[in-house]
Amino acid sequence: MAPPDPHVRASDDDREETVRQLQRGLTQGRLTVDEFDDRVRAAYAARTLGDLAELTRDLPRSLW
């Protein structure tokens, strides 16, 4: 299966899933509260799947 096209518009569900991933990162101590807050704001403002992917790029895939 091909990876999602990073230029495709993000859905509300895509944004919510990214926020859940960020919450797991915060819970595990991988993000500070400030980083989490910044990334959550960016997730809700994201327009594309690529924008969302950038927010979790430095988190291990096992959080997903």
PDB file of N, CA and C in Angstrom:
ATOM      1  N   MET A   1       0.841  -1.170   0.000  1.00  0.00           N
ATOM      2  CA  MET A   1       0.000   0.000   0.000  1.00  0.00           C
ATOM      3  C   MET A   1       0.894   1.244   0.000  1.00  0.00           C
ATOM      4  N   ALA A   2       0.597   2.186  -0.846  1.00  0.00           N
ATOM      5  CA  ALA A   2       1.388   3.407  -0.973  1.00  0.00           C
ATOM      6  C   ALA A   2       1.133   4.330   0.215  1.00  0.00           C
ATOM      7  N   PRO A   3       2.178   5.062   0.645  1.00  0.00           N
ATOM      8  CA  PRO A   3       1.951   6.028   1.733  1.00  0.00           C
ATOM      9  C   PRO A   3       1.008   7.131   1.275  1.00  0.00           C
ATOM     10  N   PRO A   4       0.320   7.763   2.210  1.00  0.00           N
ATOM     11  CA  PRO A   4      -0.614   8.825   1.837  1.00  0.00           C
ATOM     12  C   PRO A   4       0.116   9.983   1.155  1.00  0.00           C
ATOM     13  N   ASP A   5      -0.540  10.594   0.223  1.00  0.00           N
ATOM     14  CA  ASP A   5       0.010  11.755  -0.476  1.00  0.00           C
ATOM     15  C   ASP A   5       0.044  12.926   0.503  1.00  0.00           C
ATOM     16  N   PRO A   6       1.234  13.507   0.757  1.00  0.00           N
ATOM     17  CA  PRO A   6       1.329  14.583   1.745  1.00  0.00           C
ATOM     18  C   PRO A   6       0.598  15.863   1.335  1.00  0.00           C
ATOM     19  N   HIS A   7       0.194  15.936   0.071  1.00  0.00           N
ATOM     20  CA  HIS A   7      -0.490  17.137  -0.420  1.00  0.00           C
ATOM     21  C   HIS A   7      -2.013  17.055  -0.306  1.00  0.00           C
ATOM     22  N   VAL A   8      -2.514  15.883   0.108  1.00  0.00           N
ATOM     23  CA  VAL A   8      -3.963  15.704   0.261  1.00  0.00           C
ATOM     24  C   VAL A   8      -4.438  16.489   1.477  1.00  0.00           C
ATOM     25  N   ARG A   9      -5.585  17.110   1.341  1.00  0.00           N
ATOM     26  CA  ARG A   9      -6.162  17.891   2.444  1.00  0.00           C
ATOM     27  C   ARG A   9      -6.465  16.988   3.636  1.00  0.00           C
ATOM     28  N   ALA A  10      -6.158  17.459   4.826  1.00  0.00           N
ATOM     29  CA  ALA A  10      -6.401  16.710   6.056  1.00  0.00           C
ATOM     30  C   ALA A  10      -7.865  16.824   6.461  1.00  0.00           C
ATOM     31  N   SER A  11      -8.373  15.758   7.040  1.00  0.00           N
ATOM     32  CA  SER A  11      -9.746  15.763   7.559  1.00  0.00           C
ATOM     33  C   SER A  11      -9.712  16.049   9.058  1.00  0.00           C
ATOM     34  N   ASP A  12     -10.876  16.301   9.617  1.00  0.00           N
ATOM     35  CA  ASP A  12     -10.965  16.483  11.065  1.00  0.00           C
ATOM     36  C   ASP A  12     -10.493  15.224  11.789  1.00  0.00           C
ATOM     37  N   ASP A  13     -10.842  14.046  11.271  1.00  0.00           N
ATOM     38  CA  ASP A  13     -10.395  12.793  11.878  1.00  0.00           C
ATOM     39  C   ASP A  13      -8.873  12.679  11.831  1.00  0.00           C
ATOM     40  N   ASP A  14      -8.253  13.095  10.729  1.00  0.00           N
ATOM     41  CA  ASP A  14      -6.787  13.072  10.622  1.00  0.00           C
ATOM     42  C   ASP A  14      -6.169  13.966  11.700  1.00  0.00           C
ATOM     43  N   ARG A  15      -6.745  15.129  11.903  1.00  0.00           N
ATOM     44  CA  ARG A  15      -6.235  16.056  12.923  1.00  0.00           C
ATOM     45  C   ARG A  15      -6.382  15.457  14.323  1.00  0.00           C
ATOM     46  N   GLU A  16      -7.539  14.861  14.603  1.00  0.00           N
ATOM     47  CA  GLU A  16      -7.774  14.264  15.922  1.00  0.00           C
ATOM     48  C   GLU A  16      -6.814  13.103  16.184  1.00  0.00           C
ATOM     49  N   GLU A  17      -6.526  12.301  15.176  1.00  0.00           N
ATOM     50  CA  GLU A  17      -5.584  11.191  15.341  1.00  0.00           C
ATOM     51  C   GLU A  17      -4.186  11.725  15.643  1.00  0.00           C
ATOM     52  N   THR A  18      -3.792  12.787  14.997  1.00  0.00           N
ATOM     53  CA  THR A  18      -2.488  13.400  15.273  1.00  0.00           C
ATOM     54  C   THR A  18      -2.433  13.906  16.707  1.00  0.00           C
ATOM     55  N   VAL A  19      -3.492  14.518  17.180  1.00  0.00           N
ATOM     56  CA  VAL A  19      -3.533  15.003  18.564  1.00  0.00           C
ATOM     57  C   VAL A  19      -3.425  13.823  19.529  1.00  0.00           C
ATOM     58  N   ARG A  20      -4.062  12.711  19.233  1.00  0.00           N
ATOM     59  CA  ARG A  20      -3.944  11.514  20.094  1.00  0.00           C
ATOM     60  C   ARG A  20      -2.497  11.034  20.135  1.00  0.00           C
ATOM     61  N   GLN A  21      -1.811  11.049  19.000  1.00  0.00           N
ATOM     62  CA  GLN A  21      -0.398  10.654  18.958  1.00  0.00           C
ATOM     63  C   GLN A  21       0.442  11.599  19.803  1.00  0.00           C
ATOM     64  N   LEU A  22       0.154  12.879  19.717  1.00  0.00           N
ATOM     65  CA  LEU A  22       0.879  13.862  20.510  1.00  0.00           C
ATOM     66  C   LEU A  22       0.612  13.670  22.001  1.00  0.00           C
ATOM     67  N   GLN A  23      -0.617  13.327  22.359  1.00  0.00           N
ATOM     68  CA  GLN A  23      -0.947  13.070  23.762  1.00  0.00           C
ATOM     69  C   GLN A  23      -0.140  11.891  24.296  1.00  0.00           C
ATOM     70  N   ARG A  24       0.007  10.850  23.480  1.00  0.00           N
ATOM     71  CA  ARG A  24       0.816   9.703  23.903  1.00  0.00           C
ATOM     72  C   ARG A  24       2.273  10.132  24.085  1.00  0.00           C
ATOM     73  N   GLY A  25       2.769  10.984  23.196  1.00  0.00           N
ATOM     74  CA  GLY A  25       4.133  11.490  23.328  1.00  0.00           C
ATOM     75  C   GLY A  25       4.315  12.298  24.604  1.00  0.00           C
ATOM     76  N   LEU A  26       3.338  13.096  24.951  1.00  0.00           N
ATOM     77  CA  LEU A  26       3.392  13.874  26.186  1.00  0.00           C
ATOM     78  C   LEU A  26       3.378  12.950  27.396  1.00  0.00           C
ATOM     79  N   THR A  27       2.483  11.980  27.389  1.00  0.00           N
ATOM     80  CA  THR A  27       2.348  11.044  28.502  1.00  0.00           C
ATOM     81  C   THR A  27       3.641  10.266  28.746  1.00  0.00           C
ATOM     82  N   GLN A  28       4.342   9.947  27.675  1.00  0.00           N
ATOM     83  CA  GLN A  28       5.580   9.179  27.801  1.00  0.00           C
ATOM     84  C   GLN A  28       6.799  10.061  28.069  1.00  0.00           C
ATOM     85  N   GLY A  29       6.603  11.348  28.180  1.00  0.00           N
ATOM     86  CA  GLY A  29       7.714  12.242  28.469  1.00  0.00           C
ATOM     87  C   GLY A  29       8.575  12.590  27.267  1.00  0.00           C
ATOM     88  N   ARG A  30       8.067  12.356  26.062  1.00  0.00           N
ATOM     89  CA  ARG A  30       8.821  12.660  24.845  1.00  0.00           C
ATOM     90  C   ARG A  30       8.623  14.107  24.394  1.00  0.00           C
ATOM     91  N   LEU A  31       7.575  14.737  24.881  1.00  0.00           N
ATOM     92  CA  LEU A  31       7.287  16.142  24.581  1.00  0.00           C
ATOM     93  C   LEU A  31       7.093  16.900  25.879  1.00  0.00           C
ATOM     94  N   THR A  32       7.537  18.143  25.901  1.00  0.00           N
ATOM     95  CA  THR A  32       7.226  19.005  27.035  1.00  0.00           C
ATOM     96  C   THR A  32       5.799  19.514  26.862  1.00  0.00           C
ATOM     97  N   VAL A  33       5.262  20.088  27.900  1.00  0.00           N
ATOM     98  CA  VAL A  33       3.914  20.650  27.812  1.00  0.00           C
ATOM     99  C   VAL A  33       3.878  21.763  26.767  1.00  0.00           C
ATOM    100  N   ASP A  34       4.910  22.599  26.728  1.00  0.00           N
ATOM    101  CA  ASP A  34       4.958  23.677  25.735  1.00  0.00           C
ATOM    102  C   ASP A  34       5.012  23.131  24.312  1.00  0.00           C
ATOM    103  N   GLU A  35       5.836  22.092  24.095  1.00  0.00           N
ATOM    104  CA  GLU A  35       5.901  21.478  22.756  1.00  0.00           C
ATOM    105  C   GLU A  35       4.549  20.890  22.375  1.00  0.00           C
ATOM    106  N   PHE A  36       3.937  20.207  23.318  1.00  0.00           N
ATOM    107  CA  PHE A  36       2.627  19.616  23.077  1.00  0.00           C
ATOM    108  C   PHE A  36       1.616  20.688  22.699  1.00  0.00           C
ATOM    109  N   ASP A  37       1.557  21.761  23.475  1.00  0.00           N
ATOM    110  CA  ASP A  37       0.612  22.841  23.190  1.00  0.00           C
ATOM    111  C   ASP A  37       0.839  23.434  21.798  1.00  0.00           C
ATOM    112  N   ASP A  38       2.090  23.690  21.456  1.00  0.00           N
ATOM    113  CA  ASP A  38       2.411  24.249  20.139  1.00  0.00           C
ATOM    114  C   ASP A  38       1.981  23.313  19.017  1.00  0.00           C
ATOM    115  N   ARG A  39       2.261  22.037  19.202  1.00  0.00           N
ATOM    116  CA  ARG A  39       1.944  21.063  18.154  1.00  0.00           C
ATOM    117  C   ARG A  39       0.444  20.830  18.021  1.00  0.00           C
ATOM    118  N   VAL A  40      -0.269  20.852  19.132  1.00  0.00           N
ATOM    119  CA  VAL A  40      -1.725  20.683  19.059  1.00  0.00           C
ATOM    120  C   VAL A  40      -2.339  21.857  18.294  1.00  0.00           C
ATOM    121  N   ARG A  41      -1.890  23.065  18.590  1.00  0.00           N
ATOM    122  CA  ARG A  41      -2.390  24.231  17.843  1.00  0.00           C
ATOM    123  C   ARG A  41      -2.088  24.069  16.353  1.00  0.00           C
ATOM    124  N   ALA A  42      -0.889  23.612  16.038  1.00  0.00           N
ATOM    125  CA  ALA A  42      -0.512  23.424  14.641  1.00  0.00           C
ATOM    126  C   ALA A  42      -1.335  22.313  13.990  1.00  0.00           C
ATOM    127  N   ALA A  43      -1.651  21.265  14.754  1.00  0.00           N
ATOM    128  CA  ALA A  43      -2.456  20.164  14.211  1.00  0.00           C
ATOM    129  C   ALA A  43      -3.837  20.655  13.808  1.00  0.00           C
ATOM    130  N   TYR A  44      -4.456  21.453  14.665  1.00  0.00           N
ATOM    131  CA  TYR A  44      -5.790  21.947  14.347  1.00  0.00           C
ATOM    132  C   TYR A  44      -5.783  22.969  13.215  1.00  0.00           C
ATOM    133  N   ALA A  45      -4.626  23.578  12.962  1.00  0.00           N
ATOM    134  CA  ALA A  45      -4.502  24.536  11.866  1.00  0.00           C
ATOM    135  C   ALA A  45      -4.004  23.892  10.577  1.00  0.00           C
ATOM    136  N   ALA A  46      -3.591  22.632  10.645  1.00  0.00           N
ATOM    137  CA  ALA A  46      -3.004  21.947   9.484  1.00  0.00           C
ATOM    138  C   ALA A  46      -3.999  21.836   8.332  1.00  0.00           C
ATOM    139  N   ARG A  47      -3.474  22.005   7.146  1.00  0.00           N
ATOM    140  CA  ARG A  47      -4.308  21.873   5.943  1.00  0.00           C
ATOM    141  C   ARG A  47      -4.103  20.548   5.222  1.00  0.00           C
ATOM    142  N   THR A  48      -2.881  19.994   5.286  1.00  0.00           N
ATOM    143  CA  THR A  48      -2.588  18.780   4.521  1.00  0.00           C
ATOM    144  C   THR A  48      -2.071  17.661   5.428  1.00  0.00           C
ATOM    145  N   LEU A  49      -2.078  16.447   4.880  1.00  0.00           N
ATOM    146  CA  LEU A  49      -1.520  15.309   5.606  1.00  0.00           C
ATOM    147  C   LEU A  49      -0.030  15.509   5.857  1.00  0.00           C
ATOM    148  N   GLY A  50       0.652  16.179   4.947  1.00  0.00           N
ATOM    149  CA  GLY A  50       2.068  16.470   5.136  1.00  0.00           C
ATOM    150  C   GLY A  50       2.301  17.395   6.322  1.00  0.00           C
ATOM    151  N   ASP A  51       1.423  18.380   6.497  1.00  0.00           N
ATOM    152  CA  ASP A  51       1.519  19.271   7.658  1.00  0.00           C
ATOM    153  C   ASP A  51       1.402  18.464   8.952  1.00  0.00           C
ATOM    154  N   LEU A  52       0.479  17.526   8.974  1.00  0.00           N
ATOM    155  CA  LEU A  52       0.274  16.702  10.169  1.00  0.00           C
ATOM    156  C   LEU A  52       1.461  15.765  10.403  1.00  0.00           C
ATOM    157  N   ALA A  53       1.972  15.175   9.340  1.00  0.00           N
ATOM    158  CA  ALA A  53       3.093  14.237   9.477  1.00  0.00           C
ATOM    159  C   ALA A  53       4.308  14.928  10.080  1.00  0.00           C
ATOM    160  N   GLU A  54       4.508  16.169   9.738  1.00  0.00           N
ATOM    161  CA  GLU A  54       5.653  16.920  10.266  1.00  0.00           C
ATOM    162  C   GLU A  54       5.580  17.052  11.797  1.00  0.00           C
ATOM    163  N   LEU A  55       4.395  17.082  12.341  1.00  0.00           N
ATOM    164  CA  LEU A  55       4.216  17.273  13.786  1.00  0.00           C
ATOM    165  C   LEU A  55       4.581  16.042  14.602  1.00  0.00           C
ATOM    166  N   THR A  56       4.589  14.872  13.977  1.00  0.00           N
ATOM    167  CA  THR A  56       4.916  13.633  14.693  1.00  0.00           C
ATOM    168  C   THR A  56       6.172  12.965  14.143  1.00  0.00           C
ATOM    169  N   ARG A  57       6.861  13.651  13.263  1.00  0.00           N
ATOM    170  CA  ARG A  57       8.038  13.099  12.585  1.00  0.00           C
ATOM    171  C   ARG A  57       9.096  12.598  13.561  1.00  0.00           C
ATOM    172  N   ASP A  58       9.284  13.285  14.689  1.00  0.00           N
ATOM    173  CA  ASP A  58      10.342  12.921  15.628  1.00  0.00           C
ATOM    174  C   ASP A  58       9.853  12.018  16.765  1.00  0.00           C
ATOM    175  N   LEU A  59       8.638  11.509  16.663  1.00  0.00           N
ATOM    176  CA  LEU A  59       8.105  10.567  17.644  1.00  0.00           C
ATOM    177  C   LEU A  59       8.177   9.165  17.076  1.00  0.00           C
ATOM    178  N   PRO A  60       8.468   8.166  17.923  1.00  0.00           N
ATOM    179  CA  PRO A  60       8.541   6.789  17.423  1.00  0.00           C
ATOM    180  C   PRO A  60       7.187   6.312  16.907  1.00  0.00           C
ATOM    181  N   ARG A  61       7.210   5.546  15.855  1.00  0.00           N
ATOM    182  CA  ARG A  61       5.975   5.034  15.252  1.00  0.00           C
ATOM    183  C   ARG A  61       5.202   4.132  16.213  1.00  0.00           C
ATOM    184  N   SER A  62       5.877   3.596  17.222  1.00  0.00           N
ATOM    185  CA  SER A  62       5.185   2.731  18.173  1.00  0.00           C
ATOM    186  C   SER A  62       4.102   3.479  18.955  1.00  0.00           C
ATOM    187  N   LEU A  63       4.135   4.831  18.935  1.00  0.00           N
ATOM    188  CA  LEU A  63       3.096   5.603  19.606  1.00  0.00           C
ATOM    189  C   LEU A  63       1.802   5.604  18.804  1.00  0.00           C
ATOM    190  N   TRP A  64       1.872   5.209  17.572  1.00  0.00           N
ATOM    191  CA  TRP A  64       0.703   5.295  16.693  1.00  0.00           C
ATOM    192  C   TRP A  64      -0.073   4.034  16.825  1.00  0.00           C
TER     193      TRP A  64
END
